[in-house]
Amino acid sequence: MSKNCVARASEIKKLIVGIGGMTNGGKSTLSQSLHQQIPNSCVIAQDSYFKDESEVPEDSHGFKQYDLLDALHMDTMMSDVDSWRRDPVQYLRQRSLKPSDEQLFVLIVEGFLIFNYRPLNLLFDKRYFMEIPYDVCKRRRSLRVYNPPDPPGYFDGHVWPMYLKNRIEMEDSTPGIVFLDGQKPKEELLSGVRDDVFKEIERLRDWKAFVC
């Protein structure tokens, strides 16, 4: 192998996986399970970037507009994603995650509007979207405890209509999304996505080994 080949083979390779989905669709569970099985991976969750309740506007019905990009500190989220892109090794270490010797790193970004924010959406190498029917989503949502709690009528008056609106915008601007049935067993969902991601990882490994 030439010196040039060796230099390229030692480059750090990065893969960014997007796990989107509706509320209570299972995206967080899938993302964390992937993280546990993929070496040199970490998760950035969009829910960690919500603005304070006082900063989130209300609609004419008094419902807080949490299902909008304006309810999120997307600039801060992008800053964290860019930090990982610049130096994934340091990013992992800062979060008490120990990187392995392999120079291949995977960032898993999960959230309900990750494909609706263009600067972020452009970065994904793989895109998955968890979906479940209306009645399943409403039942799961009713069993969750939120802070602040959902007011009466919030799901039908805001959450579901905004999901439908955001989904149309997402599908119009983002081809190539793999839609996943959130009602399938967790192990089956994990297996399918994990195998797909590992195929991409192997492709990157092959590129590292043979490109000149």
C-alpha atoms as a PDB file:
ATOM      1  CA  MET A   1       0.000   0.000   0.000  1.00  0.00           C
ATOM      2  CA  SER A   2       1.353   3.463  -0.884  1.00  0.00           C
ATOM      3  CA  LYS A   3       1.970   6.200   1.668  1.00  0.00           C
ATOM      4  CA  ASN A   4      -1.050   8.014   0.292  1.00  0.00           C
ATOM      5  CA  CYS A   5      -3.210   4.944   0.848  1.00  0.00           C
ATOM      6  CA  VAL A   6      -1.991   4.623   4.439  1.00  0.00           C
ATOM      7  CA  ALA A   7      -2.788   8.250   5.146  1.00  0.00           C
ATOM      8  CA  ARG A   8      -6.349   7.900   3.911  1.00  0.00           C
ATOM      9  CA  ALA A   9      -6.887   4.612   5.686  1.00  0.00           C
ATOM     10  CA  SER A  10      -6.049   6.265   9.011  1.00  0.00           C
ATOM     11  CA  GLU A  11      -8.618   9.053   8.621  1.00  0.00           C
ATOM     12  CA  ILE A  12     -11.462   9.231  11.104  1.00  0.00           C
ATOM     13  CA  LYS A  13     -14.744   8.196   9.498  1.00  0.00           C
ATOM     14  CA  LYS A  14     -18.111   9.387  10.777  1.00  0.00           C
ATOM     15  CA  LEU A  15     -21.683   8.215  10.347  1.00  0.00           C
ATOM     16  CA  ILE A  16     -24.724  10.227  11.435  1.00  0.00           C
ATOM     17  CA  VAL A  17     -27.985   8.325  11.919  1.00  0.00           C
ATOM     18  CA  GLY A  18     -31.323  10.077  12.381  1.00  0.00           C
ATOM     19  CA  ILE A  19     -34.083   8.374  14.376  1.00  0.00           C
ATOM     20  CA  GLY A  20     -37.196  10.498  13.982  1.00  0.00           C
ATOM     21  CA  GLY A  21     -40.762   9.775  14.892  1.00  0.00           C
ATOM     22  CA  MET A  22     -44.000  10.872  16.427  1.00  0.00           C
ATOM     23  CA  THR A  23     -44.500  11.313  20.134  1.00  0.00           C
ATOM     24  CA  ASN A  24     -44.312   8.008  22.018  1.00  0.00           C
ATOM     25  CA  GLY A  25     -43.447   6.145  18.838  1.00  0.00           C
ATOM     26  CA  GLY A  26     -40.418   4.411  20.380  1.00  0.00           C
ATOM     27  CA  LYS A  27     -37.588   6.509  18.923  1.00  0.00           C
ATOM     28  CA  SER A  28     -35.787   7.049  22.250  1.00  0.00           C
ATOM     29  CA  THR A  29     -35.859   3.343  23.132  1.00  0.00           C
ATOM     30  CA  LEU A  30     -34.545   2.395  19.687  1.00  0.00           C
ATOM     31  CA  SER A  31     -31.815   5.058  19.811  1.00  0.00           C
ATOM     32  CA  GLN A  32     -30.531   3.988  23.208  1.00  0.00           C
ATOM     33  CA  SER A  33     -30.575   0.308  22.189  1.00  0.00           C
ATOM     34  CA  LEU A  34     -28.579   1.122  19.055  1.00  0.00           C
ATOM     35  CA  HIS A  35     -26.087   3.089  21.122  1.00  0.00           C
ATOM     36  CA  GLN A  36     -25.554   0.096  23.400  1.00  0.00           C
ATOM     37  CA  GLN A  37     -24.737  -2.150  20.442  1.00  0.00           C
ATOM     38  CA  ILE A  38     -22.670   0.182  18.246  1.00  0.00           C
ATOM     39  CA  PRO A  39     -19.078   0.869  19.355  1.00  0.00           C
ATOM     40  CA  ASN A  40     -17.906   4.501  19.399  1.00  0.00           C
ATOM     41  CA  SER A  41     -21.483   5.772  19.298  1.00  0.00           C
ATOM     42  CA  CYS A  42     -23.400   8.376  21.257  1.00  0.00           C
ATOM     43  CA  VAL A  43     -26.897   9.869  21.251  1.00  0.00           C
ATOM     44  CA  ILE A  44     -28.058  13.466  20.968  1.00  0.00           C
ATOM     45  CA  ALA A  45     -31.762  13.756  21.862  1.00  0.00           C
ATOM     46  CA  GLN A  46     -33.833  16.681  20.591  1.00  0.00           C
ATOM     47  CA  ASP A  47     -36.032  16.648  23.688  1.00  0.00           C
ATOM     48  CA  SER A  48     -33.016  17.907  25.674  1.00  0.00           C
ATOM     49  CA  TYR A  49     -33.237  21.259  23.894  1.00  0.00           C
ATOM     50  CA  PHE A  50     -36.740  22.476  24.745  1.00  0.00           C
ATOM     51  CA  LYS A  51     -36.982  26.102  25.752  1.00  0.00           C
ATOM     52  CA  ASP A  52     -38.316  27.066  29.167  1.00  0.00           C
ATOM     53  CA  GLU A  53     -42.111  26.937  29.419  1.00  0.00           C
ATOM     54  CA  SER A  54     -42.227  30.718  29.742  1.00  0.00           C
ATOM     55  CA  GLU A  55     -40.611  31.065  26.292  1.00  0.00           C
ATOM     56  CA  VAL A  56     -43.061  28.777  24.481  1.00  0.00           C
ATOM     57  CA  PRO A  57     -46.018  30.670  22.946  1.00  0.00           C
ATOM     58  CA  GLU A  58     -49.664  29.645  23.246  1.00  0.00           C
ATOM     59  CA  ASP A  59     -52.236  29.345  20.469  1.00  0.00           C
ATOM     60  CA  SER A  60     -55.724  30.831  20.537  1.00  0.00           C
ATOM     61  CA  HIS A  61     -56.942  27.856  22.620  1.00  0.00           C
ATOM     62  CA  GLY A  62     -54.290  28.368  25.279  1.00  0.00           C
ATOM     63  CA  PHE A  63     -52.258  25.326  24.196  1.00  0.00           C
ATOM     64  CA  LYS A  64     -48.492  25.632  24.504  1.00  0.00           C
ATOM     65  CA  GLN A  65     -46.891  25.262  21.087  1.00  0.00           C
ATOM     66  CA  TYR A  66     -44.289  22.648  21.979  1.00  0.00           C
ATOM     67  CA  ASP A  67     -44.551  20.847  18.630  1.00  0.00           C
ATOM     68  CA  LEU A  68     -42.803  23.621  16.707  1.00  0.00           C
ATOM     69  CA  LEU A  69     -39.129  24.159  15.978  1.00  0.00           C
ATOM     70  CA  ASP A  70     -39.454  27.564  17.663  1.00  0.00           C
ATOM     71  CA  ALA A  71     -40.006  25.748  20.973  1.00  0.00           C
ATOM     72  CA  LEU A  72     -36.500  24.292  20.774  1.00  0.00           C
ATOM     73  CA  HIS A  73     -32.981  25.673  21.121  1.00  0.00           C
ATOM     74  CA  MET A  74     -31.989  24.324  17.725  1.00  0.00           C
ATOM     75  CA  ASP A  75     -28.902  26.541  17.605  1.00  0.00           C
ATOM     76  CA  THR A  76     -27.599  24.852  20.757  1.00  0.00           C
ATOM     77  CA  MET A  77     -28.422  21.417  19.396  1.00  0.00           C
ATOM     78  CA  MET A  78     -26.566  22.172  16.167  1.00  0.00           C
ATOM     79  CA  SER A  79     -23.603  23.415  18.170  1.00  0.00           C
ATOM     80  CA  ASP A  80     -23.436  20.052  19.956  1.00  0.00           C
ATOM     81  CA  VAL A  81     -23.723  18.141  16.679  1.00  0.00           C
ATOM     82  CA  ASP A  82     -20.949  20.273  15.190  1.00  0.00           C
ATOM     83  CA  SER A  83     -18.764  19.605  18.241  1.00  0.00           C
ATOM     84  CA  TRP A  84     -19.098  15.881  17.606  1.00  0.00           C
ATOM     85  CA  ARG A  85     -18.325  16.362  13.910  1.00  0.00           C
ATOM     86  CA  ARG A  86     -15.167  18.318  14.665  1.00  0.00           C
ATOM     87  CA  ASP A  87     -13.769  15.879  17.213  1.00  0.00           C
ATOM     88  CA  PRO A  88     -15.831  12.781  18.055  1.00  0.00           C
ATOM     89  CA  VAL A  89     -13.090  11.402  20.299  1.00  0.00           C
ATOM     90  CA  GLN A  90     -13.093  14.469  22.520  1.00  0.00           C
ATOM     91  CA  TYR A  91     -16.886  14.616  22.435  1.00  0.00           C
ATOM     92  CA  LEU A  92     -17.147  11.071  23.787  1.00  0.00           C
ATOM     93  CA  ARG A  93     -14.557  11.680  26.467  1.00  0.00           C
ATOM     94  CA  GLN A  94     -16.337  14.809  27.667  1.00  0.00           C
ATOM     95  CA  ARG A  95     -19.411  12.651  28.245  1.00  0.00           C
ATOM     96  CA  SER A  96     -17.503   9.924  30.097  1.00  0.00           C
ATOM     97  CA  LEU A  97     -17.710   7.573  27.112  1.00  0.00           C
ATOM     98  CA  LYS A  98     -14.538   5.682  26.294  1.00  0.00           C
ATOM     99  CA  PRO A  99     -13.754   5.523  22.569  1.00  0.00           C
ATOM    100  CA  SER A 100     -12.222   2.376  21.138  1.00  0.00           C
ATOM    101  CA  ASP A 101      -9.101   2.298  18.973  1.00  0.00           C
ATOM    102  CA  GLU A 102     -11.096   2.073  15.743  1.00  0.00           C
ATOM    103  CA  GLN A 103     -11.285   5.383  13.897  1.00  0.00           C
ATOM    104  CA  LEU A 104     -14.967   5.101  13.026  1.00  0.00           C
ATOM    105  CA  PHE A 105     -17.635   6.944  15.005  1.00  0.00           C
ATOM    106  CA  VAL A 106     -21.435   6.964  14.916  1.00  0.00           C
ATOM    107  CA  LEU A 107     -23.692   9.781  16.082  1.00  0.00           C
ATOM    108  CA  ILE A 108     -27.343   8.875  16.688  1.00  0.00           C
ATOM    109  CA  VAL A 109     -29.634  11.907  16.629  1.00  0.00           C
ATOM    110  CA  GLU A 110     -33.195  11.305  17.771  1.00  0.00           C
ATOM    111  CA  GLY A 111     -36.216  13.560  17.937  1.00  0.00           C
ATOM    112  CA  PHE A 112     -39.651  14.385  16.641  1.00  0.00           C
ATOM    113  CA  LEU A 113     -38.589  17.259  14.354  1.00  0.00           C
ATOM    114  CA  ILE A 114     -35.053  16.336  13.345  1.00  0.00           C
ATOM    115  CA  PHE A 115     -36.013  15.953   9.677  1.00  0.00           C
ATOM    116  CA  ASN A 116     -37.885  19.273   9.659  1.00  0.00           C
ATOM    117  CA  TYR A 117     -34.804  21.349  10.479  1.00  0.00           C
ATOM    118  CA  ARG A 118     -32.893  21.653   7.218  1.00  0.00           C
ATOM    119  CA  PRO A 119     -29.366  22.382   8.573  1.00  0.00           C
ATOM    120  CA  LEU A 120     -29.564  19.209  10.663  1.00  0.00           C
ATOM    121  CA  ASN A 121     -31.408  17.110   8.111  1.00  0.00           C
ATOM    122  CA  LEU A 122     -28.675  17.677   5.528  1.00  0.00           C
ATOM    123  CA  LEU A 123     -26.147  15.907   7.785  1.00  0.00           C
ATOM    124  CA  PHE A 124     -27.836  12.513   8.062  1.00  0.00           C
ATOM    125  CA  ASP A 125     -26.367   9.487   6.332  1.00  0.00           C
ATOM    126  CA  LYS A 126     -29.273   7.251   7.371  1.00  0.00           C
ATOM    127  CA  ARG A 127     -32.826   8.304   8.227  1.00  0.00           C
ATOM    128  CA  TYR A 128     -35.494   6.294  10.087  1.00  0.00           C
ATOM    129  CA  PHE A 129     -38.939   7.379  11.251  1.00  0.00           C
ATOM    130  CA  MET A 130     -41.001   5.593  13.900  1.00  0.00           C
ATOM    131  CA  GLU A 131     -44.762   5.716  13.359  1.00  0.00           C
ATOM    132  CA  ILE A 132     -47.804   4.347  15.179  1.00  0.00           C
ATOM    133  CA  PRO A 133     -51.580   4.760  14.634  1.00  0.00           C
ATOM    134  CA  TYR A 134     -53.555   7.593  16.190  1.00  0.00           C
ATOM    135  CA  ASP A 135     -55.270   5.484  18.847  1.00  0.00           C
ATOM    136  CA  VAL A 136     -52.013   3.816  19.956  1.00  0.00           C
ATOM    137  CA  CYS A 137     -50.237   7.157  20.086  1.00  0.00           C
ATOM    138  CA  LYS A 138     -53.018   8.765  22.131  1.00  0.00           C
ATOM    139  CA  ARG A 139     -53.107   5.873  24.592  1.00  0.00           C
ATOM    140  CA  ARG A 140     -49.328   5.863  25.074  1.00  0.00           C
ATOM    141  CA  ARG A 141     -49.279   9.622  25.505  1.00  0.00           C
ATOM    142  CA  SER A 142     -51.965   9.440  28.186  1.00  0.00           C
ATOM    143  CA  LEU A 143     -49.787   7.059  30.207  1.00  0.00           C
ATOM    144  CA  ARG A 144     -46.774   9.392  30.213  1.00  0.00           C
ATOM    145  CA  VAL A 145     -46.127  12.078  32.823  1.00  0.00           C
ATOM    146  CA  TYR A 146     -44.998  15.387  31.337  1.00  0.00           C
ATOM    147  CA  ASN A 147     -43.702  18.555  32.961  1.00  0.00           C
ATOM    148  CA  PRO A 148     -45.768  20.601  32.490  1.00  0.00           C
ATOM    149  CA  PRO A 149     -48.592  18.032  32.211  1.00  0.00           C
ATOM    150  CA  ASP A 150     -50.784  17.912  29.118  1.00  0.00           C
ATOM    151  CA  PRO A 151     -53.948  19.988  29.643  1.00  0.00           C
ATOM    152  CA  PRO A 152     -57.326  18.442  28.737  1.00  0.00           C
ATOM    153  CA  GLY A 153     -57.785  18.164  24.981  1.00  0.00           C
ATOM    154  CA  TYR A 154     -54.125  18.863  24.248  1.00  0.00           C
ATOM    155  CA  PHE A 155     -53.501  15.727  22.197  1.00  0.00           C
ATOM    156  CA  ASP A 156     -56.419  16.230  19.797  1.00  0.00           C
ATOM    157  CA  GLY A 157     -56.210  20.032  19.869  1.00  0.00           C
ATOM    158  CA  HIS A 158     -52.484  20.407  19.292  1.00  0.00           C
ATOM    159  CA  VAL A 159     -50.237  17.322  19.354  1.00  0.00           C
ATOM    160  CA  TRP A 160     -51.894  15.228  16.642  1.00  0.00           C
ATOM    161  CA  PRO A 161     -52.720  18.100  14.223  1.00  0.00           C
ATOM    162  CA  MET A 162     -49.132  19.354  14.483  1.00  0.00           C
ATOM    163  CA  TYR A 163     -47.771  15.866  13.903  1.00  0.00           C
ATOM    164  CA  LEU A 164     -49.768  15.611  10.667  1.00  0.00           C
ATOM    165  CA  LYS A 165     -48.599  19.064   9.560  1.00  0.00           C
ATOM    166  CA  ASN A 166     -44.964  18.401  10.405  1.00  0.00           C
ATOM    167  CA  ARG A 167     -45.070  15.007   8.708  1.00  0.00           C
ATOM    168  CA  ILE A 168     -46.308  16.499   5.437  1.00  0.00           C
ATOM    169  CA  GLU A 169     -43.510  19.074   5.525  1.00  0.00           C
ATOM    170  CA  MET A 170     -40.967  16.343   6.300  1.00  0.00           C
ATOM    171  CA  GLU A 171     -42.089  14.054   3.483  1.00  0.00           C
ATOM    172  CA  ASP A 172     -42.133  16.931   0.987  1.00  0.00           C
ATOM    173  CA  SER A 173     -38.531  17.881   1.753  1.00  0.00           C
ATOM    174  CA  THR A 174     -36.852  14.585   2.718  1.00  0.00           C
ATOM    175  CA  PRO A 175     -36.727  11.604   0.349  1.00  0.00           C
ATOM    176  CA  GLY A 176     -35.223   8.311   1.399  1.00  0.00           C
ATOM    177  CA  ILE A 177     -36.679   8.024   4.899  1.00  0.00           C
ATOM    178  CA  VAL A 178     -37.168   4.445   6.110  1.00  0.00           C
ATOM    179  CA  PHE A 179     -40.513   4.277   7.936  1.00  0.00           C
ATOM    180  CA  LEU A 180     -40.728   1.840  10.851  1.00  0.00           C
ATOM    181  CA  ASP A 181     -43.803   0.317  12.472  1.00  0.00           C
ATOM    182  CA  GLY A 182     -43.542   1.306  16.141  1.00  0.00           C
ATOM    183  CA  GLN A 183     -45.963  -1.475  17.110  1.00  0.00           C
ATOM    184  CA  LYS A 184     -43.504  -4.206  16.165  1.00  0.00           C
ATOM    185  CA  PRO A 185     -41.517  -5.904  18.940  1.00  0.00           C
ATOM    186  CA  LYS A 186     -38.583  -3.795  20.117  1.00  0.00           C
ATOM    187  CA  GLU A 187     -36.117  -6.581  19.356  1.00  0.00           C
ATOM    188  CA  GLU A 188     -37.347  -6.838  15.758  1.00  0.00           C
ATOM    189  CA  LEU A 189     -37.087  -3.093  15.196  1.00  0.00           C
ATOM    190  CA  LEU A 190     -33.634  -2.971  16.714  1.00  0.00           C
ATOM    191  CA  SER A 191     -32.405  -5.914  14.667  1.00  0.00           C
ATOM    192  CA  GLY A 192     -33.525  -4.392  11.367  1.00  0.00           C
ATOM    193  CA  VAL A 193     -32.061  -0.951  11.963  1.00  0.00           C
ATOM    194  CA  ARG A 194     -28.886  -2.290  13.567  1.00  0.00           C
ATOM    195  CA  ASP A 195     -28.197  -4.590  10.618  1.00  0.00           C
ATOM    196  CA  ASP A 196     -28.792  -1.721   8.180  1.00  0.00           C
ATOM    197  CA  VAL A 197     -26.459   0.599  10.089  1.00  0.00           C
ATOM    198  CA  PHE A 198     -23.783  -2.084  10.343  1.00  0.00           C
ATOM    199  CA  LYS A 199     -23.903  -2.536   6.564  1.00  0.00           C
ATOM    200  CA  GLU A 200     -23.074   1.149   6.226  1.00  0.00           C
ATOM    201  CA  ILE A 201     -20.323   0.810   8.820  1.00  0.00           C
ATOM    202  CA  GLU A 202     -18.819  -2.094   6.885  1.00  0.00           C
ATOM    203  CA  ARG A 203     -18.952  -0.045   3.697  1.00  0.00           C
ATOM    204  CA  LEU A 204     -16.983   2.714   5.410  1.00  0.00           C
ATOM    205  CA  ARG A 205     -14.495   0.183   6.755  1.00  0.00           C
ATOM    206  CA  ASP A 206     -13.964  -1.228   3.261  1.00  0.00           C
ATOM    207  CA  TRP A 207     -13.427   2.266   1.901  1.00  0.00           C
ATOM    208  CA  LYS A 208     -10.812   2.902   4.564  1.00  0.00           C
ATOM    209  CA  ALA A 209      -9.047  -0.327   3.750  1.00  0.00           C
ATOM    210  CA  PHE A 210      -8.778   0.018  -0.016  1.00  0.00           C
ATOM    211  CA  VAL A 211      -9.047   3.640  -1.171  1.00  0.00           C
ATOM    212  CA  CYS A 212      -5.838   5.116  -2.618  1.00  0.00           C
END
